[in-house]
Amino acid sequence: MTNVGGVAVKVPYTYIEGLQIQMVSANDNTDKNILIQTASAGPVYISSNICYGSSSTVAWADGIEPWFSGVGDVYIYNNILYNFKPSGGGGAIEVWSANSTVYIYNNTLYNSVAGVRSDESTAIYAKNNL
């Protein structure tokens, strides 16, 4: 993927499972492997994916980013995310969801500027991540 986000989740009750996504290059802050951007209530599940960053230093070029105003839980588990090195913020998992609870567990996050980063007052439960 180049110059666009990879997968955008716009509706709740969505499962994204078993994808391999590589970010070829990043040019602006819309470049995410998986962007969760729902406006209504309901859970989203992101599991068993491999997300590879481009090593770009463009700010906010993230692996998985819950970024929405809807009320609902997000479950991010059993994923491998690596090589996310944006400057000015971001990383493997970037949480920007003020009205949700995000569960992040059993993920492998490496060679990134940050493993899990939060920019809002979101409830985050992170467990068993490497």
N, C-alpha and C. Protein backbone atom coordinates (compact mmCIF):
# COMPACT_ATOMS: atom_id res chain seq x y z
N MET A 1 0.83 -1.17 0.00
CA MET A 1 0.00 0.00 0.00
C MET A 1 0.88 1.23 0.00
N THR A 2 0.55 2.22 -0.78
CA THR A 2 1.32 3.45 -0.88
C THR A 2 0.36 4.63 -0.86
N ASN A 3 0.63 5.59 0.01
CA ASN A 3 -0.11 6.84 0.10
C ASN A 3 -1.56 6.71 0.55
N VAL A 4 -1.96 5.57 1.02
CA VAL A 4 -3.31 5.39 1.54
C VAL A 4 -3.25 4.44 2.73
N GLY A 5 -4.30 4.46 3.51
CA GLY A 5 -4.38 3.48 4.59
C GLY A 5 -4.63 2.09 4.00
N GLY A 6 -4.28 1.07 4.77
CA GLY A 6 -4.48 -0.30 4.30
C GLY A 6 -5.92 -0.74 4.42
N VAL A 7 -6.38 -0.98 5.64
CA VAL A 7 -7.75 -1.43 5.90
C VAL A 7 -8.40 -0.41 6.84
N ALA A 8 -9.57 0.06 6.48
CA ALA A 8 -10.30 1.00 7.33
C ALA A 8 -11.58 0.33 7.81
N VAL A 9 -11.75 0.26 9.11
CA VAL A 9 -12.96 -0.31 9.71
C VAL A 9 -13.89 0.86 10.03
N LYS A 10 -15.03 0.91 9.36
CA LYS A 10 -15.97 2.03 9.53
C LYS A 10 -17.24 1.65 10.28
N VAL A 11 -17.48 0.34 10.48
CA VAL A 11 -18.69 -0.09 11.17
C VAL A 11 -18.33 -1.01 12.33
N PRO A 12 -19.11 -0.99 13.41
CA PRO A 12 -18.84 -1.88 14.54
C PRO A 12 -19.18 -3.33 14.21
N TYR A 13 -18.89 -4.20 15.13
CA TYR A 13 -19.11 -5.65 14.99
C TYR A 13 -18.34 -6.21 13.80
N THR A 14 -17.10 -5.74 13.67
CA THR A 14 -16.23 -6.14 12.57
C THR A 14 -15.08 -6.97 13.11
N TYR A 15 -14.72 -8.03 12.38
CA TYR A 15 -13.56 -8.86 12.68
C TYR A 15 -12.57 -8.72 11.53
N ILE A 16 -11.32 -8.37 11.84
CA ILE A 16 -10.23 -8.38 10.86
C ILE A 16 -9.26 -9.45 11.35
N GLU A 17 -9.13 -10.52 10.59
CA GLU A 17 -8.35 -11.67 11.07
C GLU A 17 -7.51 -12.27 9.94
N GLY A 18 -6.23 -12.52 10.25
CA GLY A 18 -5.36 -13.29 9.37
C GLY A 18 -4.83 -12.57 8.15
N LEU A 19 -4.73 -11.25 8.18
CA LEU A 19 -4.19 -10.51 7.04
C LEU A 19 -2.70 -10.25 7.23
N GLN A 20 -2.00 -10.10 6.13
CA GLN A 20 -0.62 -9.64 6.15
C GLN A 20 -0.58 -8.36 5.34
N ILE A 21 -0.20 -7.25 6.01
CA ILE A 21 -0.24 -5.93 5.38
C ILE A 21 1.13 -5.29 5.49
N GLN A 22 1.67 -4.85 4.35
CA GLN A 22 2.96 -4.17 4.34
C GLN A 22 2.76 -2.73 3.88
N MET A 23 3.30 -1.79 4.66
CA MET A 23 3.29 -0.39 4.28
C MET A 23 4.54 -0.14 3.44
N VAL A 24 4.36 0.15 2.15
CA VAL A 24 5.49 0.34 1.26
C VAL A 24 6.16 1.68 1.53
N SER A 25 5.37 2.73 1.66
CA SER A 25 5.89 4.04 2.03
C SER A 25 4.78 4.81 2.73
N ALA A 26 5.17 5.82 3.49
CA ALA A 26 4.19 6.65 4.19
C ALA A 26 4.48 8.11 3.85
N ASN A 27 3.43 8.85 3.49
CA ASN A 27 3.62 10.24 3.11
C ASN A 27 2.85 11.23 3.98
N ASP A 28 1.86 10.77 4.70
CA ASP A 28 1.15 11.67 5.61
C ASP A 28 0.51 10.87 6.73
N ASN A 29 -0.21 11.56 7.60
CA ASN A 29 -0.72 10.91 8.80
C ASN A 29 -1.94 10.02 8.56
N THR A 30 -2.34 9.82 7.33
CA THR A 30 -3.44 8.89 7.06
C THR A 30 -2.93 7.48 6.78
N ASP A 31 -1.63 7.30 6.78
CA ASP A 31 -1.05 6.01 6.44
C ASP A 31 -1.02 5.10 7.66
N LYS A 32 -1.93 4.15 7.70
CA LYS A 32 -2.05 3.15 8.76
C LYS A 32 -2.21 1.79 8.10
N ASN A 33 -1.74 0.74 8.74
CA ASN A 33 -2.04 -0.59 8.22
C ASN A 33 -3.51 -0.91 8.45
N ILE A 34 -3.98 -0.72 9.69
CA ILE A 34 -5.39 -0.94 10.02
C ILE A 34 -5.88 0.26 10.84
N LEU A 35 -6.88 0.96 10.32
CA LEU A 35 -7.47 2.11 10.99
C LEU A 35 -8.88 1.75 11.41
N ILE A 36 -9.18 1.91 12.70
CA ILE A 36 -10.52 1.63 13.23
C ILE A 36 -11.18 2.98 13.47
N GLN A 37 -12.24 3.27 12.72
CA GLN A 37 -12.84 4.60 12.75
C GLN A 37 -14.36 4.48 12.69
N THR A 38 -14.95 3.89 13.70
CA THR A 38 -16.40 3.72 13.74
C THR A 38 -17.05 4.91 14.44
N ALA A 39 -18.28 5.20 14.08
CA ALA A 39 -19.00 6.32 14.68
C ALA A 39 -20.14 5.85 15.56
N SER A 40 -20.43 4.56 15.57
CA SER A 40 -21.54 4.05 16.38
C SER A 40 -21.04 2.97 17.33
N ALA A 41 -21.86 2.62 18.28
CA ALA A 41 -21.47 1.69 19.35
C ALA A 41 -21.34 0.26 18.83
N GLY A 42 -20.41 -0.48 19.41
CA GLY A 42 -20.22 -1.89 19.08
C GLY A 42 -18.75 -2.24 19.06
N PRO A 43 -18.42 -3.51 19.30
CA PRO A 43 -17.01 -3.93 19.37
C PRO A 43 -16.38 -4.14 18.00
N VAL A 44 -15.03 -4.08 17.99
CA VAL A 44 -14.22 -4.38 16.81
C VAL A 44 -13.11 -5.32 17.27
N TYR A 45 -12.83 -6.35 16.48
CA TYR A 45 -11.82 -7.37 16.81
C TYR A 45 -10.74 -7.40 15.73
N ILE A 46 -9.49 -7.23 16.14
CA ILE A 46 -8.35 -7.28 15.23
C ILE A 46 -7.43 -8.38 15.75
N SER A 47 -7.30 -9.49 15.01
CA SER A 47 -6.50 -10.60 15.53
C SER A 47 -5.76 -11.35 14.43
N SER A 48 -4.63 -11.94 14.84
CA SER A 48 -3.84 -12.85 14.01
C SER A 48 -3.40 -12.23 12.69
N ASN A 49 -2.99 -10.96 12.74
CA ASN A 49 -2.51 -10.25 11.55
C ASN A 49 -1.01 -9.99 11.66
N ILE A 50 -0.38 -9.80 10.53
CA ILE A 50 1.02 -9.38 10.48
C ILE A 50 1.06 -8.02 9.80
N CYS A 51 1.55 -7.01 10.51
CA CYS A 51 1.63 -5.65 9.98
C CYS A 51 3.08 -5.22 9.95
N TYR A 52 3.54 -4.82 8.76
CA TYR A 52 4.93 -4.44 8.55
C TYR A 52 4.98 -2.98 8.14
N GLY A 53 5.75 -2.16 8.89
CA GLY A 53 5.89 -0.75 8.58
C GLY A 53 6.98 -0.50 7.56
N SER A 54 7.01 0.72 7.05
CA SER A 54 7.98 1.07 6.01
C SER A 54 9.25 1.69 6.57
N SER A 55 9.36 1.82 7.88
CA SER A 55 10.46 2.54 8.54
C SER A 55 10.42 4.03 8.22
N SER A 56 9.29 4.51 7.70
CA SER A 56 9.15 5.92 7.39
C SER A 56 9.14 6.74 8.67
N THR A 57 9.65 7.96 8.60
CA THR A 57 9.63 8.84 9.76
C THR A 57 8.47 9.84 9.69
N VAL A 58 7.54 9.64 8.75
CA VAL A 58 6.37 10.50 8.67
C VAL A 58 5.55 10.32 9.96
N ALA A 59 5.17 11.44 10.57
CA ALA A 59 4.43 11.38 11.83
C ALA A 59 3.13 10.60 11.67
N TRP A 60 2.82 9.79 12.66
CA TRP A 60 1.57 9.05 12.79
C TRP A 60 1.39 7.93 11.78
N ALA A 61 2.46 7.46 11.18
CA ALA A 61 2.36 6.28 10.29
C ALA A 61 2.38 5.05 11.20
N ASP A 62 1.18 4.53 11.51
CA ASP A 62 1.02 3.50 12.54
C ASP A 62 0.65 2.14 11.96
N GLY A 63 0.78 1.12 12.81
CA GLY A 63 0.35 -0.22 12.44
C GLY A 63 -1.15 -0.38 12.59
N ILE A 64 -1.63 -0.36 13.84
CA ILE A 64 -3.07 -0.45 14.12
C ILE A 64 -3.45 0.78 14.94
N GLU A 65 -4.49 1.47 14.51
CA GLU A 65 -4.91 2.66 15.24
C GLU A 65 -6.42 2.72 15.42
N PRO A 66 -6.90 2.49 16.66
CA PRO A 66 -8.29 2.81 16.98
C PRO A 66 -8.39 4.33 17.11
N TRP A 67 -9.16 4.95 16.25
CA TRP A 67 -9.30 6.41 16.24
C TRP A 67 -10.75 6.74 15.88
N PHE A 68 -11.56 6.93 16.90
CA PHE A 68 -12.97 7.15 16.61
C PHE A 68 -13.68 7.76 17.80
N SER A 69 -14.90 8.20 17.56
CA SER A 69 -15.70 8.79 18.63
C SER A 69 -16.86 7.90 19.04
N GLY A 70 -16.98 6.75 18.43
CA GLY A 70 -18.04 5.82 18.81
C GLY A 70 -17.74 5.18 20.15
N VAL A 71 -18.76 4.69 20.80
CA VAL A 71 -18.59 4.02 22.08
C VAL A 71 -18.59 2.52 21.82
N GLY A 72 -17.49 1.86 22.13
CA GLY A 72 -17.40 0.43 21.91
C GLY A 72 -16.03 -0.08 22.28
N ASP A 73 -15.94 -1.36 22.51
CA ASP A 73 -14.66 -1.96 22.88
C ASP A 73 -13.90 -2.37 21.62
N VAL A 74 -12.58 -2.28 21.72
CA VAL A 74 -11.69 -2.73 20.64
C VAL A 74 -10.78 -3.80 21.22
N TYR A 75 -10.69 -4.92 20.54
CA TYR A 75 -9.85 -6.04 20.98
C TYR A 75 -8.75 -6.24 19.94
N ILE A 76 -7.50 -6.05 20.35
CA ILE A 76 -6.34 -6.22 19.47
C ILE A 76 -5.50 -7.32 20.09
N TYR A 77 -5.44 -8.50 19.44
CA TYR A 77 -4.76 -9.63 20.07
C TYR A 77 -4.15 -10.56 19.03
N ASN A 78 -3.07 -11.23 19.45
CA ASN A 78 -2.36 -12.24 18.64
C ASN A 78 -1.87 -11.71 17.30
N ASN A 79 -1.40 -10.46 17.28
CA ASN A 79 -0.87 -9.84 16.06
C ASN A 79 0.64 -9.71 16.15
N ILE A 80 1.29 -9.57 15.01
CA ILE A 80 2.71 -9.24 14.94
C ILE A 80 2.81 -7.91 14.21
N LEU A 81 3.41 -6.92 14.87
CA LEU A 81 3.59 -5.59 14.27
C LEU A 81 5.05 -5.18 14.41
N TYR A 82 5.66 -4.75 13.31
CA TYR A 82 7.06 -4.34 13.40
C TYR A 82 7.42 -3.31 12.35
N ASN A 83 8.50 -2.58 12.68
CA ASN A 83 9.12 -1.62 11.77
C ASN A 83 8.31 -0.33 11.61
N PHE A 84 7.66 0.15 12.68
CA PHE A 84 6.93 1.41 12.65
C PHE A 84 7.75 2.46 13.39
N LYS A 85 8.29 3.45 12.65
CA LYS A 85 9.22 4.41 13.24
C LYS A 85 8.87 5.86 12.91
N PRO A 86 7.62 6.27 13.09
CA PRO A 86 7.26 7.65 12.78
C PRO A 86 7.87 8.64 13.77
N SER A 87 8.13 9.84 13.30
CA SER A 87 8.59 10.90 14.19
C SER A 87 7.38 11.69 14.67
N GLY A 88 7.45 12.24 15.84
CA GLY A 88 6.37 13.09 16.33
C GLY A 88 5.17 12.35 16.88
N GLY A 89 5.20 11.06 16.96
CA GLY A 89 4.09 10.30 17.53
C GLY A 89 3.77 9.08 16.70
N GLY A 90 3.05 8.18 17.31
CA GLY A 90 2.65 6.96 16.62
C GLY A 90 3.50 5.78 17.03
N GLY A 91 3.37 4.70 16.31
CA GLY A 91 4.11 3.48 16.59
C GLY A 91 3.34 2.26 16.13
N ALA A 92 3.64 1.12 16.71
CA ALA A 92 2.99 -0.13 16.31
C ALA A 92 1.48 -0.07 16.55
N ILE A 93 1.07 0.28 17.77
CA ILE A 93 -0.36 0.45 18.09
C ILE A 93 -0.53 1.83 18.70
N GLU A 94 -1.31 2.67 18.04
CA GLU A 94 -1.57 4.03 18.49
C GLU A 94 -3.05 4.14 18.83
N VAL A 95 -3.38 4.47 20.08
CA VAL A 95 -4.78 4.53 20.52
C VAL A 95 -5.21 5.98 20.62
N TRP A 96 -6.29 6.30 19.92
CA TRP A 96 -6.86 7.64 19.92
C TRP A 96 -8.37 7.49 19.94
N SER A 97 -8.91 7.02 21.05
CA SER A 97 -10.34 6.69 21.12
C SER A 97 -10.88 7.06 22.49
N ALA A 98 -11.37 8.25 22.62
CA ALA A 98 -11.75 8.76 23.93
C ALA A 98 -12.95 8.06 24.55
N ASN A 99 -13.80 7.44 23.76
CA ASN A 99 -15.03 6.87 24.30
C ASN A 99 -15.06 5.35 24.29
N SER A 100 -13.92 4.73 24.37
CA SER A 100 -13.90 3.28 24.25
C SER A 100 -12.95 2.67 25.27
N THR A 101 -12.99 1.35 25.33
CA THR A 101 -12.01 0.59 26.09
C THR A 101 -11.26 -0.28 25.10
N VAL A 102 -9.94 -0.25 25.15
CA VAL A 102 -9.11 -0.99 24.20
C VAL A 102 -8.35 -2.07 24.95
N TYR A 103 -8.53 -3.31 24.52
CA TYR A 103 -7.85 -4.47 25.10
C TYR A 103 -6.75 -4.89 24.13
N ILE A 104 -5.51 -4.87 24.60
CA ILE A 104 -4.36 -5.20 23.76
C ILE A 104 -3.61 -6.34 24.45
N TYR A 105 -3.66 -7.53 23.87
CA TYR A 105 -3.01 -8.65 24.54
C TYR A 105 -2.44 -9.67 23.55
N ASN A 106 -1.38 -10.35 24.00
CA ASN A 106 -0.71 -11.42 23.25
C ASN A 106 -0.22 -10.98 21.87
N ASN A 107 0.29 -9.75 21.77
CA ASN A 107 0.84 -9.25 20.52
C ASN A 107 2.36 -9.23 20.59
N THR A 108 3.02 -9.33 19.45
CA THR A 108 4.46 -9.16 19.35
C THR A 108 4.70 -7.84 18.62
N LEU A 109 5.35 -6.90 19.30
CA LEU A 109 5.58 -5.55 18.79
C LEU A 109 7.08 -5.29 18.86
N TYR A 110 7.73 -5.08 17.72
CA TYR A 110 9.18 -4.87 17.78
C TYR A 110 9.67 -3.97 16.66
N ASN A 111 10.91 -3.47 16.86
CA ASN A 111 11.59 -2.57 15.93
C ASN A 111 10.70 -1.36 15.58
N SER A 112 10.06 -0.80 16.59
CA SER A 112 9.17 0.35 16.41
C SER A 112 9.50 1.42 17.44
N VAL A 113 9.16 2.66 17.13
CA VAL A 113 9.44 3.76 18.03
C VAL A 113 8.65 3.61 19.34
N ALA A 114 7.47 3.02 19.27
CA ALA A 114 6.66 2.74 20.45
C ALA A 114 5.86 1.47 20.19
N GLY A 115 5.69 0.66 21.22
CA GLY A 115 4.86 -0.53 21.09
C GLY A 115 3.39 -0.17 21.15
N VAL A 116 2.97 0.38 22.31
CA VAL A 116 1.59 0.83 22.50
C VAL A 116 1.67 2.28 22.98
N ARG A 117 0.93 3.15 22.33
CA ARG A 117 0.94 4.56 22.70
C ARG A 117 -0.49 5.07 22.71
N SER A 118 -0.81 5.92 23.69
CA SER A 118 -2.16 6.48 23.80
C SER A 118 -2.09 8.00 23.78
N ASP A 119 -2.99 8.62 23.03
CA ASP A 119 -3.05 10.08 22.95
C ASP A 119 -4.31 10.65 23.59
N GLU A 120 -5.16 9.82 24.10
CA GLU A 120 -6.39 10.26 24.72
C GLU A 120 -6.51 9.61 26.10
N SER A 121 -7.54 9.97 26.80
CA SER A 121 -7.78 9.37 28.12
C SER A 121 -8.60 8.10 27.97
N THR A 122 -8.12 7.21 27.13
CA THR A 122 -8.79 5.95 26.84
C THR A 122 -8.42 4.91 27.89
N ALA A 123 -9.36 4.07 28.26
CA ALA A 123 -9.06 2.94 29.13
C ALA A 123 -8.37 1.87 28.28
N ILE A 124 -7.12 1.57 28.61
CA ILE A 124 -6.35 0.57 27.87
C ILE A 124 -5.95 -0.54 28.84
N TYR A 125 -6.19 -1.77 28.42
CA TYR A 125 -5.75 -2.92 29.19
C TYR A 125 -4.77 -3.68 28.29
N ALA A 126 -3.50 -3.64 28.66
CA ALA A 126 -2.46 -4.31 27.88
C ALA A 126 -1.88 -5.45 28.72
N LYS A 127 -1.81 -6.64 28.12
CA LYS A 127 -1.38 -7.81 28.87
C LYS A 127 -0.66 -8.78 27.92
N ASN A 128 0.45 -9.36 28.40
CA ASN A 128 1.19 -10.41 27.67
C ASN A 128 1.66 -9.99 26.28
N ASN A 129 2.08 -8.75 26.13
CA ASN A 129 2.63 -8.27 24.87
C ASN A 129 4.15 -8.29 24.96
N LEU A 130 4.80 -8.60 23.86
CA LEU A 130 6.26 -8.57 23.81
C LEU A 130 6.71 -7.39 22.99
